[in-house]
Structure formats: C-alpha cells, structure tokens
Amino acid sequence: MNIHHLELFYYVAKHGGISEAVRNIPYGIQQPAVSGQILQLEDSLGRTLFHRRPFTLTPPGQELFRFIRPFFDDLGSVADRIRGDSAGPVRIAATSVILRDHLPQMLVHLRTRFPRLKITLREGIQPQMEQWLESQEVDLAVTLIEGRASAGIKTMSLIELPLALLVPKALRIKSAAEIWRQDRISETLISLPANEGITKRFQSGLARRGIAWPVGIEVDSLDLIETYVSNGFGIGLSVAVPKARISTRVHVLKLDDFAPVVVGVLWRGRLTPLTEAFLDEFKRRAQQLLT
C-alpha cells in the first residue's frame, strides 16, 4: 500500500468525506487528486473503503482506519517532541502596522518561553497571505479579514477596528462631517487598492451617503498612507489602531458610523504547540489594546 494513499484515506475517514478532508489536509491538494488516489488505494486492496453519499466507512475501511489512525494521530506530537525547542522558524506574514507596532513586544514575551525561538517575517495583505498559506510559505498570517477565507484556511478574529481618516493638521479639519459637507471634495484621497477591505467598506459607506470621492493616490501599505498624509499630499484612509504611533503632523478622525474592519489570524492545517503559543500571544495582545 502506498503510504501517501493511506495518509489521504486517514484524513477522509477522520473528517467524514473527501471535501472535508481537503479542507483539513495541511498542504495544498485538490479534491479530484484525493478522489483519484483513494480509488487507486481501493483498487490495490480490491475493496471499497467507504460509501460516498452518505459517507460511511465499510467494514474493510473501518479495519484499515483502526490500524493507521494511531500512527497518523501521533505523528505531529512525535515530531514536536523530537524537535523540542529547536524547531524550524515560525513563518509569519502580517501587515506593516502589526510588524512595526505590535509584533516586537510579542516576540520578546514569547522568547521567555522559547529561548531558541526563530522567526521569519513577511509583509503583505490578505489575498497575498492566503496564497502563501496555500503554498506553505508561511505558518500564520495576521491581517484585516475581508469576507470568507479560501477553503482549507482557518480564521480567528482578534479585534474590530473603526475606519479612520488621517488628515494633515495644516488643513484644520476637525471632523469628517466638514468633509462630507463639501459640494465636491477637493482634497486628494490616499488609499489602499480598491480590492482591499478597508477601501471597499469606506467606498460603500460613501455610496450610502451619496458621496463620490475617488482615490487619487493608491499605495500598498498603511505606513505609506501616513507618510503621504504627513507630507501634505492629501487625506488618507486608514484604521484607528489603539496605542499606535502617529506622526505629530497628522490628525486622526475616527469614522464610527462606518462599518469597522476585523483583524484576525489565518492558518492552514494543524497547529503545533509553538504556533498555538503564537495564537495565544496574538489574543493576549489584542486584549491589551482594548483595556
């Protein structure tokens, strides 16, 4: 019997079907590939291992699952014990604000528990991060969550953040209402790309108010938005992050009447004790920001 075929059968039997297995297998594989390899396993044994609709294991499938389950169930914990705290680096993708303002303190705290902790960091936005998770280039991603994640990717919400406008103090604008009252907004809007959750929620809120304010300067990070605003190039769309460091030349106007965005963690497959520790640390940090 092919060991890879047995592994796929283990996930199918454990999760109750091929589509559910695909969502939980800790690497990228498509449903047709799983179906084809399971058929090869059944052909090699000359037995049907499970009924497809509704899903039920046949007696031969039950016997095979009982035999292979202890091995695959314990594989991860054995690997963790062998690695100890010398495991490979935890690969984290995050937005620029998280990498700059929050992750350093979290890593200092985690190193008290894991002295030999190693990490690699990548900056990105949600669509990029989902691709990195699918291709197993990162272990955890921390980002603004927009809509439902791709199949097989798990999410955990951490904190809701209100939208905010970053306004150069030189403009002397004290509220968003002053901007909405303009017949035609003259200031340049500086924003993330149109497919980003922040931008979509903001433009949706403007549409409900009958306001048109197209993006004049499009950048790919919140840091760049703040940089352009502080240098007087326009008004920036961002989020109000508690305890974030903001330029003294910028005034933050929270948009509490717009739908907020959600920051969360994304991952694929099984968490290790180390990545679970990171998850707990992200939750602890989010709670600190709220108190």
C-alpha atoms as a PDB file:
ATOM      1  CA  MET A   1       0.000   0.000   0.000  1.00  0.00           C
ATOM      2  CA  ASN A   2       1.198   3.494  -0.912  1.00  0.00           C
ATOM      3  CA  ILE A   3       1.860   5.446   2.309  1.00  0.00           C
ATOM      4  CA  HIS A   4       0.596   8.688   0.746  1.00  0.00           C
ATOM      5  CA  HIS A   5      -2.663   6.999  -0.228  1.00  0.00           C
ATOM      6  CA  LEU A   6      -3.017   5.828   3.369  1.00  0.00           C
ATOM      7  CA  GLU A   7      -2.462   9.358   4.630  1.00  0.00           C
ATOM      8  CA  LEU A   8      -5.210  10.705   2.356  1.00  0.00           C
ATOM      9  CA  PHE A   9      -7.563   7.930   3.448  1.00  0.00           C
ATOM     10  CA  TYR A  10      -6.804   8.827   7.088  1.00  0.00           C
ATOM     11  CA  TYR A  11      -7.984  12.416   6.518  1.00  0.00           C
ATOM     12  CA  VAL A  12     -11.060  11.277   4.598  1.00  0.00           C
ATOM     13  CA  ALA A  13     -12.050   8.806   7.322  1.00  0.00           C
ATOM     14  CA  LYS A  14     -11.278  11.218  10.153  1.00  0.00           C
ATOM     15  CA  HIS A  15     -13.205  14.171   8.707  1.00  0.00           C
ATOM     16  CA  GLY A  16     -16.096  12.284   7.136  1.00  0.00           C
ATOM     17  CA  GLY A  17     -15.622  12.756   3.420  1.00  0.00           C
ATOM     18  CA  ILE A  18     -13.311  13.927   0.675  1.00  0.00           C
ATOM     19  CA  SER A  19     -14.365  17.587   0.598  1.00  0.00           C
ATOM     20  CA  GLU A  20     -13.947  17.892   4.386  1.00  0.00           C
ATOM     21  CA  ALA A  21     -10.583  16.136   4.167  1.00  0.00           C
ATOM     22  CA  VAL A  22      -9.327  18.656   1.588  1.00  0.00           C
ATOM     23  CA  ARG A  23     -10.151  21.487   3.994  1.00  0.00           C
ATOM     24  CA  ASN A  24      -8.060  19.886   6.750  1.00  0.00           C
ATOM     25  CA  ILE A  25      -5.086  18.366   4.933  1.00  0.00           C
ATOM     26  CA  PRO A  26      -2.116  20.556   5.959  1.00  0.00           C
ATOM     27  CA  TYR A  27      -0.884  21.081   2.405  1.00  0.00           C
ATOM     28  CA  GLY A  28      -2.441  22.085  -0.857  1.00  0.00           C
ATOM     29  CA  ILE A  29      -4.196  19.293  -2.754  1.00  0.00           C
ATOM     30  CA  GLN A  30      -7.325  19.425  -4.882  1.00  0.00           C
ATOM     31  CA  GLN A  31     -10.402  17.266  -4.397  1.00  0.00           C
ATOM     32  CA  PRO A  32     -10.054  15.385  -7.741  1.00  0.00           C
ATOM     33  CA  ALA A  33      -6.493  14.384  -6.803  1.00  0.00           C
ATOM     34  CA  VAL A  34      -7.661  12.979  -3.461  1.00  0.00           C
ATOM     35  CA  SER A  35     -10.522  11.099  -5.127  1.00  0.00           C
ATOM     36  CA  GLY A  36      -8.204   9.613  -7.721  1.00  0.00           C
ATOM     37  CA  GLN A  37      -5.633   8.426  -5.201  1.00  0.00           C
ATOM     38  CA  ILE A  38      -8.277   6.935  -2.921  1.00  0.00           C
ATOM     39  CA  LEU A  39      -9.586   4.973  -5.918  1.00  0.00           C
ATOM     40  CA  GLN A  40      -6.042   3.687  -6.516  1.00  0.00           C
ATOM     41  CA  LEU A  41      -5.884   2.565  -2.888  1.00  0.00           C
ATOM     42  CA  GLU A  42      -9.231   0.759  -3.201  1.00  0.00           C
ATOM     43  CA  ASP A  43      -8.101  -0.863  -6.464  1.00  0.00           C
ATOM     44  CA  SER A  44      -4.891  -2.108  -4.833  1.00  0.00           C
ATOM     45  CA  LEU A  45      -6.905  -3.681  -1.991  1.00  0.00           C
ATOM     46  CA  GLY A  46      -9.799  -4.893  -4.104  1.00  0.00           C
ATOM     47  CA  ARG A  47     -12.219  -3.417  -1.565  1.00  0.00           C
ATOM     48  CA  THR A  48     -14.476  -0.358  -1.283  1.00  0.00           C
ATOM     49  CA  LEU A  49     -13.351   1.568   1.810  1.00  0.00           C
ATOM     50  CA  PHE A  50     -16.325   3.902   2.224  1.00  0.00           C
ATOM     51  CA  HIS A  51     -19.680   4.824   0.744  1.00  0.00           C
ATOM     52  CA  ARG A  52     -19.707   8.325  -0.709  1.00  0.00           C
ATOM     53  CA  ARG A  53     -23.303   9.502  -0.128  1.00  0.00           C
ATOM     54  CA  PRO A  54     -23.972   9.488   2.718  1.00  0.00           C
ATOM     55  CA  PHE A  55     -20.431   8.983   3.926  1.00  0.00           C
ATOM     56  CA  THR A  56     -19.909   5.781   5.905  1.00  0.00           C
ATOM     57  CA  LEU A  57     -16.879   3.562   6.266  1.00  0.00           C
ATOM     58  CA  THR A  58     -17.347  -0.013   5.046  1.00  0.00           C
ATOM     59  CA  PRO A  59     -16.113  -2.842   7.320  1.00  0.00           C
ATOM     60  CA  PRO A  60     -12.765  -3.012   5.406  1.00  0.00           C
ATOM     61  CA  GLY A  61     -12.493   0.789   5.706  1.00  0.00           C
ATOM     62  CA  GLN A  62     -13.136   0.619   9.453  1.00  0.00           C
ATOM     63  CA  GLU A  63     -10.456  -2.041   9.854  1.00  0.00           C
ATOM     64  CA  LEU A  64      -7.898  -0.031   7.859  1.00  0.00           C
ATOM     65  CA  PHE A  65      -8.723   3.192   9.724  1.00  0.00           C
ATOM     66  CA  ARG A  66      -8.298   1.495  13.119  1.00  0.00           C
ATOM     67  CA  PHE A  67      -4.871   0.273  12.010  1.00  0.00           C
ATOM     68  CA  ILE A  68      -3.471   3.541  10.589  1.00  0.00           C
ATOM     69  CA  ARG A  69      -5.121   6.068  12.923  1.00  0.00           C
ATOM     70  CA  PRO A  70      -2.706   5.743  15.894  1.00  0.00           C
ATOM     71  CA  PHE A  71       0.274   6.362  13.617  1.00  0.00           C
ATOM     72  CA  PHE A  72      -1.109   9.482  11.895  1.00  0.00           C
ATOM     73  CA  ASP A  73      -2.746  10.818  15.088  1.00  0.00           C
ATOM     74  CA  ASP A  74       0.583  10.722  16.925  1.00  0.00           C
ATOM     75  CA  LEU A  75       2.847  11.833  14.085  1.00  0.00           C
ATOM     76  CA  GLY A  76       2.708  15.528  14.917  1.00  0.00           C
ATOM     77  CA  SER A  77       3.326  15.110  18.646  1.00  0.00           C
ATOM     78  CA  VAL A  78       6.272  12.777  17.997  1.00  0.00           C
ATOM     79  CA  ALA A  79       7.800  15.346  15.647  1.00  0.00           C
ATOM     80  CA  ASP A  80       7.285  18.100  18.252  1.00  0.00           C
ATOM     81  CA  ARG A  81       8.996  16.025  20.951  1.00  0.00           C
ATOM     82  CA  ILE A  82      11.932  15.242  18.696  1.00  0.00           C
ATOM     83  CA  ARG A  83      12.328  18.865  17.666  1.00  0.00           C
ATOM     84  CA  GLY A  84      11.952  20.249  21.183  1.00  0.00           C
ATOM     85  CA  ASP A  85      12.586  23.998  21.074  1.00  0.00           C
ATOM     86  CA  SER A  86      14.993  23.627  18.140  1.00  0.00           C
ATOM     87  CA  ALA A  87      12.200  23.509  15.578  1.00  0.00           C
ATOM     88  CA  GLY A  88      12.498  25.463  12.356  1.00  0.00           C
ATOM     89  CA  PRO A  89      11.475  29.114  12.287  1.00  0.00           C
ATOM     90  CA  VAL A  90       7.859  30.139  12.670  1.00  0.00           C
ATOM     91  CA  ARG A  91       6.970  31.932   9.443  1.00  0.00           C
ATOM     92  CA  ILE A  92       4.649  34.882   9.989  1.00  0.00           C
ATOM     93  CA  ALA A  93       3.022  37.212   7.488  1.00  0.00           C
ATOM     94  CA  ALA A  94       1.478  40.435   8.748  1.00  0.00           C
ATOM     95  CA  THR A  95       0.567  43.965   7.762  1.00  0.00           C
ATOM     96  CA  SER A  96       3.147  46.710   8.188  1.00  0.00           C
ATOM     97  CA  VAL A  97       1.471  48.211  11.267  1.00  0.00           C
ATOM     98  CA  ILE A  98       1.429  44.847  13.067  1.00  0.00           C
ATOM     99  CA  LEU A  99       5.057  44.152  12.147  1.00  0.00           C
ATOM    100  CA  ARG A 100       6.139  47.574  13.376  1.00  0.00           C
ATOM    101  CA  ASP A 101       3.959  48.329  16.414  1.00  0.00           C
ATOM    102  CA  HIS A 102       2.873  45.012  17.909  1.00  0.00           C
ATOM    103  CA  LEU A 103       4.948  42.022  16.896  1.00  0.00           C
ATOM    104  CA  PRO A 104       8.258  43.125  18.506  1.00  0.00           C
ATOM    105  CA  GLN A 105       6.757  43.183  22.020  1.00  0.00           C
ATOM    106  CA  MET A 106       5.029  39.858  21.436  1.00  0.00           C
ATOM    107  CA  LEU A 107       8.265  38.220  20.325  1.00  0.00           C
ATOM    108  CA  VAL A 108      10.109  39.461  23.405  1.00  0.00           C
ATOM    109  CA  HIS A 109       7.418  37.858  25.582  1.00  0.00           C
ATOM    110  CA  LEU A 110       7.479  34.578  23.612  1.00  0.00           C
ATOM    111  CA  ARG A 111      11.245  34.296  23.882  1.00  0.00           C
ATOM    112  CA  THR A 112      10.929  33.975  27.647  1.00  0.00           C
ATOM    113  CA  ARG A 113       9.106  30.670  26.967  1.00  0.00           C
ATOM    114  CA  PHE A 114      11.052  29.619  23.867  1.00  0.00           C
ATOM    115  CA  PRO A 115      14.643  30.895  24.265  1.00  0.00           C
ATOM    116  CA  ARG A 116      15.733  29.419  20.942  1.00  0.00           C
ATOM    117  CA  LEU A 117      12.798  30.869  19.040  1.00  0.00           C
ATOM    118  CA  LYS A 118      13.433  31.606  15.383  1.00  0.00           C
ATOM    119  CA  ILE A 119      11.094  33.504  13.096  1.00  0.00           C
ATOM    120  CA  THR A 120      10.826  34.748   9.545  1.00  0.00           C
ATOM    121  CA  LEU A 121       8.583  37.714   8.704  1.00  0.00           C
ATOM    122  CA  ARG A 122       6.827  38.833   5.539  1.00  0.00           C
ATOM    123  CA  GLU A 123       4.717  41.911   4.907  1.00  0.00           C
ATOM    124  CA  GLY A 124       1.571  41.598   2.836  1.00  0.00           C
ATOM    125  CA  ILE A 125      -2.202  41.917   2.514  1.00  0.00           C
ATOM    126  CA  GLN A 126      -4.910  39.259   2.825  1.00  0.00           C
ATOM    127  CA  PRO A 127      -5.009  37.945  -0.794  1.00  0.00           C
ATOM    128  CA  GLN A 128      -1.213  37.526  -0.794  1.00  0.00           C
ATOM    129  CA  MET A 129      -1.224  35.868   2.615  1.00  0.00           C
ATOM    130  CA  GLU A 130      -3.839  33.318   1.593  1.00  0.00           C
ATOM    131  CA  GLN A 131      -1.662  32.359  -1.372  1.00  0.00           C
ATOM    132  CA  TRP A 132       1.363  31.992   0.933  1.00  0.00           C
ATOM    133  CA  LEU A 133      -0.638  29.773   3.278  1.00  0.00           C
ATOM    134  CA  GLU A 134      -1.844  27.635   0.361  1.00  0.00           C
ATOM    135  CA  SER A 135       1.729  27.164  -0.884  1.00  0.00           C
ATOM    136  CA  GLN A 136       3.004  26.563   2.691  1.00  0.00           C
ATOM    137  CA  GLU A 137       5.315  29.580   2.563  1.00  0.00           C
ATOM    138  CA  VAL A 138       4.019  30.903   5.919  1.00  0.00           C
ATOM    139  CA  ASP A 139       2.563  29.293   9.048  1.00  0.00           C
ATOM    140  CA  LEU A 140       0.435  32.161  10.391  1.00  0.00           C
ATOM    141  CA  ALA A 141      -0.917  35.352   8.850  1.00  0.00           C
ATOM    142  CA  VAL A 142      -2.206  38.372  10.778  1.00  0.00           C
ATOM    143  CA  THR A 143      -4.231  40.770   8.678  1.00  0.00           C
ATOM    144  CA  LEU A 144      -7.511  42.561   8.109  1.00  0.00           C
ATOM    145  CA  ILE A 145     -10.062  39.849   7.306  1.00  0.00           C
ATOM    146  CA  GLU A 146     -12.434  40.624   4.479  1.00  0.00           C
ATOM    147  CA  GLY A 147     -15.124  38.078   3.706  1.00  0.00           C
ATOM    148  CA  ARG A 148     -14.748  34.327   3.876  1.00  0.00           C
ATOM    149  CA  ALA A 149     -11.271  32.848   3.598  1.00  0.00           C
ATOM    150  CA  SER A 150     -10.368  30.284   0.938  1.00  0.00           C
ATOM    151  CA  ALA A 151     -11.306  26.645   1.526  1.00  0.00           C
ATOM    152  CA  GLY A 152      -8.989  24.969   3.998  1.00  0.00           C
ATOM    153  CA  ILE A 153      -7.849  28.202   5.637  1.00  0.00           C
ATOM    154  CA  LYS A 154      -8.957  28.721   9.227  1.00  0.00           C
ATOM    155  CA  THR A 155      -9.504  32.123  10.797  1.00  0.00           C
ATOM    156  CA  MET A 156      -9.743  33.560  14.278  1.00  0.00           C
ATOM    157  CA  SER A 157     -10.938  37.131  14.864  1.00  0.00           C
ATOM    158  CA  LEU A 158      -8.872  39.228  17.250  1.00  0.00           C
ATOM    159  CA  ILE A 159     -10.184  42.782  17.282  1.00  0.00           C
ATOM    160  CA  GLU A 160     -12.545  45.149  15.485  1.00  0.00           C
ATOM    161  CA  LEU A 161     -11.073  48.453  14.334  1.00  0.00           C
ATOM    162  CA  PRO A 162     -13.016  51.546  13.210  1.00  0.00           C
ATOM    163  CA  LEU A 163     -12.148  53.174   9.926  1.00  0.00           C
ATOM    164  CA  ALA A 164     -10.350  56.500  10.249  1.00  0.00           C
ATOM    165  CA  LEU A 165      -9.249  59.413   8.133  1.00  0.00           C
ATOM    166  CA  LEU A 166      -5.714  60.735   8.535  1.00  0.00           C
ATOM    167  CA  VAL A 167      -5.784  64.483   7.977  1.00  0.00           C
ATOM    168  CA  PRO A 168      -2.800  66.849   7.818  1.00  0.00           C
ATOM    169  CA  LYS A 169      -3.085  69.183  10.792  1.00  0.00           C
ATOM    170  CA  ALA A 170      -2.387  72.075   8.447  1.00  0.00           C
ATOM    171  CA  LEU A 171      -5.867  71.617   6.904  1.00  0.00           C
ATOM    172  CA  ARG A 172      -7.520  72.378  10.281  1.00  0.00           C
ATOM    173  CA  ILE A 173     -10.332  69.901   9.609  1.00  0.00           C
ATOM    174  CA  LYS A 174     -11.828  68.783  12.926  1.00  0.00           C
ATOM    175  CA  SER A 175     -14.482  66.267  11.835  1.00  0.00           C
ATOM    176  CA  ALA A 176     -15.433  64.085   8.900  1.00  0.00           C
ATOM    177  CA  ALA A 177     -18.715  65.994   8.652  1.00  0.00           C
ATOM    178  CA  GLU A 178     -16.739  69.027   7.435  1.00  0.00           C
ATOM    179  CA  ILE A 179     -15.522  66.934   4.520  1.00  0.00           C
ATOM    180  CA  TRP A 180     -18.936  65.457   3.695  1.00  0.00           C
ATOM    181  CA  ARG A 181     -20.443  68.969   3.535  1.00  0.00           C
ATOM    182  CA  GLN A 182     -18.233  69.938   0.608  1.00  0.00           C
ATOM    183  CA  ASP A 183     -20.048  70.053  -2.740  1.00  0.00           C
ATOM    184  CA  ARG A 184     -17.021  68.431  -4.299  1.00  0.00           C
ATOM    185  CA  ILE A 185     -14.266  67.136  -2.062  1.00  0.00           C
ATOM    186  CA  SER A 186     -11.129  68.942  -3.161  1.00  0.00           C
ATOM    187  CA  GLU A 187      -8.558  67.043  -1.095  1.00  0.00           C
ATOM    188  CA  THR A 188      -6.839  64.029  -2.660  1.00  0.00           C
ATOM    189  CA  LEU A 189      -7.863  60.688  -1.168  1.00  0.00           C
ATOM    190  CA  ILE A 190      -4.900  58.441  -0.361  1.00  0.00           C
ATOM    191  CA  SER A 191      -5.907  54.814  -0.002  1.00  0.00           C
ATOM    192  CA  LEU A 192      -5.074  51.135  -0.316  1.00  0.00           C
ATOM    193  CA  PRO A 193      -6.096  49.386  -3.586  1.00  0.00           C
ATOM    194  CA  ALA A 194      -9.780  49.082  -4.416  1.00  0.00           C
ATOM    195  CA  ASN A 195      -9.888  45.334  -3.637  1.00  0.00           C
ATOM    196  CA  GLU A 196      -8.756  45.859  -0.032  1.00  0.00           C
ATOM    197  CA  GLY A 197     -11.348  45.509   2.754  1.00  0.00           C
ATOM    198  CA  ILE A 198     -10.683  48.966   4.206  1.00  0.00           C
ATOM    199  CA  THR A 199     -11.217  50.633   0.832  1.00  0.00           C
ATOM    200  CA  LYS A 200     -14.332  48.638  -0.024  1.00  0.00           C
ATOM    201  CA  ARG A 201     -16.007  49.385   3.306  1.00  0.00           C
ATOM    202  CA  PHE A 202     -15.186  53.073   3.062  1.00  0.00           C
ATOM    203  CA  GLN A 203     -16.443  53.427  -0.511  1.00  0.00           C
ATOM    204  CA  SER A 204     -19.604  51.502   0.402  1.00  0.00           C
ATOM    205  CA  GLY A 205     -20.204  53.918   3.285  1.00  0.00           C
ATOM    206  CA  LEU A 206     -19.669  56.898   0.987  1.00  0.00           C
ATOM    207  CA  ALA A 207     -22.114  55.469  -1.571  1.00  0.00           C
ATOM    208  CA  ARG A 208     -24.823  55.190   1.100  1.00  0.00           C
ATOM    209  CA  ARG A 209     -24.330  58.904   1.764  1.00  0.00           C
ATOM    210  CA  GLY A 210     -24.412  59.787  -1.913  1.00  0.00           C
ATOM    211  CA  ILE A 211     -20.786  60.973  -1.819  1.00  0.00           C
ATOM    212  CA  ALA A 212     -18.246  60.390  -4.586  1.00  0.00           C
ATOM    213  CA  TRP A 213     -14.583  60.572  -3.579  1.00  0.00           C
ATOM    214  CA  PRO A 214     -12.333  58.613  -5.931  1.00  0.00           C
ATOM    215  CA  VAL A 215      -8.868  57.515  -4.890  1.00  0.00           C
ATOM    216  CA  GLY A 216      -6.193  59.936  -6.038  1.00  0.00           C
ATOM    217  CA  ILE A 217      -3.101  58.198  -4.661  1.00  0.00           C
ATOM    218  CA  GLU A 218      -3.105  54.405  -4.313  1.00  0.00           C
ATOM    219  CA  VAL A 219      -0.430  52.743  -2.165  1.00  0.00           C
ATOM    220  CA  ASP A 220       0.062  49.246  -0.781  1.00  0.00           C
ATOM    221  CA  SER A 221       0.548  49.855   2.957  1.00  0.00           C
ATOM    222  CA  LEU A 222      -0.934  51.894   5.793  1.00  0.00           C
ATOM    223  CA  ASP A 223       2.532  53.210   6.610  1.00  0.00           C
ATOM    224  CA  LEU A 224       2.801  54.781   3.175  1.00  0.00           C
ATOM    225  CA  ILE A 225      -0.619  56.377   3.570  1.00  0.00           C
ATOM    226  CA  GLU A 226       0.525  58.050   6.773  1.00  0.00           C
ATOM    227  CA  THR A 227       3.775  59.170   5.126  1.00  0.00           C
ATOM    228  CA  TYR A 228       1.992  60.853   2.222  1.00  0.00           C
ATOM    229  CA  VAL A 229      -0.539  62.489   4.543  1.00  0.00           C
ATOM    230  CA  SER A 230       2.123  63.830   6.904  1.00  0.00           C
ATOM    231  CA  ASN A 231       3.843  65.390   3.892  1.00  0.00           C
ATOM    232  CA  GLY A 232       0.666  67.174   2.831  1.00  0.00           C
ATOM    233  CA  PHE A 233      -0.355  65.182  -0.244  1.00  0.00           C
ATOM    234  CA  GLY A 234      -3.965  64.632   0.822  1.00  0.00           C
ATOM    235  CA  ILE A 235      -6.251  62.845   3.287  1.00  0.00           C
ATOM    236  CA  GLY A 236      -5.585  59.184   3.987  1.00  0.00           C
ATOM    237  CA  LEU A 237      -7.936  56.290   4.650  1.00  0.00           C
ATOM    238  CA  SER A 238      -6.744  54.034   7.459  1.00  0.00           C
ATOM    239  CA  VAL A 239      -7.939  52.349  10.660  1.00  0.00           C
ATOM    240  CA  ALA A 240      -7.787  53.622  14.239  1.00  0.00           C
ATOM    241  CA  VAL A 241      -5.365  51.230  15.925  1.00  0.00           C
ATOM    242  CA  PRO A 242      -5.252  51.641  19.735  1.00  0.00           C
ATOM    243  CA  LYS A 243      -1.869  52.837  21.031  1.00  0.00           C
ATOM    244  CA  ALA A 244      -0.430  53.168  17.524  1.00  0.00           C
ATOM    245  CA  ARG A 245       2.307  55.749  16.963  1.00  0.00           C
ATOM    246  CA  ILE A 246       1.068  58.502  14.640  1.00  0.00           C
ATOM    247  CA  SER A 247       3.006  61.423  13.158  1.00  0.00           C
ATOM    248  CA  THR A 248       2.593  64.681  15.064  1.00  0.00           C
ATOM    249  CA  ARG A 249       1.672  66.323  11.744  1.00  0.00           C
ATOM    250  CA  VAL A 250      -1.422  64.116  11.356  1.00  0.00           C
ATOM    251  CA  HIS A 251      -4.850  64.288  12.982  1.00  0.00           C
ATOM    252  CA  VAL A 252      -6.931  61.069  13.254  1.00  0.00           C
ATOM    253  CA  LEU A 253     -10.679  61.265  12.614  1.00  0.00           C
ATOM    254  CA  LYS A 254     -12.433  58.018  13.591  1.00  0.00           C
ATOM    255  CA  LEU A 255     -15.389  57.042  11.386  1.00  0.00           C
ATOM    256  CA  ASP A 256     -17.568  55.334  13.970  1.00  0.00           C
ATOM    257  CA  ASP A 257     -20.612  55.464  11.677  1.00  0.00           C
ATOM    258  CA  PHE A 258     -18.861  53.323   9.036  1.00  0.00           C
ATOM    259  CA  ALA A 259     -18.637  49.527   9.274  1.00  0.00           C
ATOM    260  CA  PRO A 260     -15.439  48.529  11.132  1.00  0.00           C
ATOM    261  CA  VAL A 261     -12.869  46.055   9.885  1.00  0.00           C
ATOM    262  CA  VAL A 262     -11.752  42.915  11.677  1.00  0.00           C
ATOM    263  CA  VAL A 263      -8.145  41.937  12.369  1.00  0.00           C
ATOM    264  CA  GLY A 264      -7.579  38.224  12.703  1.00  0.00           C
ATOM    265  CA  VAL A 265      -5.198  35.306  12.324  1.00  0.00           C
ATOM    266  CA  LEU A 266      -5.250  32.887   9.403  1.00  0.00           C
ATOM    267  CA  TRP A 267      -3.615  29.458   9.209  1.00  0.00           C
ATOM    268  CA  ARG A 268      -3.911  26.177   7.386  1.00  0.00           C
ATOM    269  CA  GLY A 269      -3.739  22.654   8.744  1.00  0.00           C
ATOM    270  CA  ARG A 270      -2.694  21.526  12.183  1.00  0.00           C
ATOM    271  CA  LEU A 271      -1.220  23.950  14.709  1.00  0.00           C
ATOM    272  CA  THR A 272       1.956  22.952  16.534  1.00  0.00           C
ATOM    273  CA  PRO A 273       2.476  23.802  20.222  1.00  0.00           C
ATOM    274  CA  LEU A 274       4.674  26.701  19.076  1.00  0.00           C
ATOM    275  CA  THR A 275       2.151  28.163  16.631  1.00  0.00           C
ATOM    276  CA  GLU A 276      -0.567  27.691  19.275  1.00  0.00           C
ATOM    277  CA  ALA A 277       1.609  29.754  21.623  1.00  0.00           C
ATOM    278  CA  PHE A 278       1.748  32.478  18.953  1.00  0.00           C
ATOM    279  CA  LEU A 279      -2.028  32.338  18.625  1.00  0.00           C
ATOM    280  CA  ASP A 280      -2.429  32.784  22.384  1.00  0.00           C
ATOM    281  CA  GLU A 281       0.008  35.700  22.284  1.00  0.00           C
ATOM    282  CA  PHE A 282      -1.950  37.401  19.498  1.00  0.00           C
ATOM    283  CA  LYS A 283      -5.119  37.082  21.593  1.00  0.00           C
ATOM    284  CA  ARG A 284      -3.335  38.472  24.664  1.00  0.00           C
ATOM    285  CA  ARG A 285      -2.029  41.440  22.683  1.00  0.00           C
ATOM    286  CA  ALA A 286      -5.476  42.198  21.260  1.00  0.00           C
ATOM    287  CA  GLN A 287      -6.935  42.180  24.776  1.00  0.00           C
ATOM    288  CA  GLN A 288      -4.221  44.566  25.960  1.00  0.00           C
ATOM    289  CA  LEU A 289      -5.163  47.026  23.210  1.00  0.00           C
ATOM    290  CA  LEU A 290      -8.774  47.017  24.348  1.00  0.00           C
ATOM    291  CA  THR A 291      -8.012  47.730  28.030  1.00  0.00           C
END
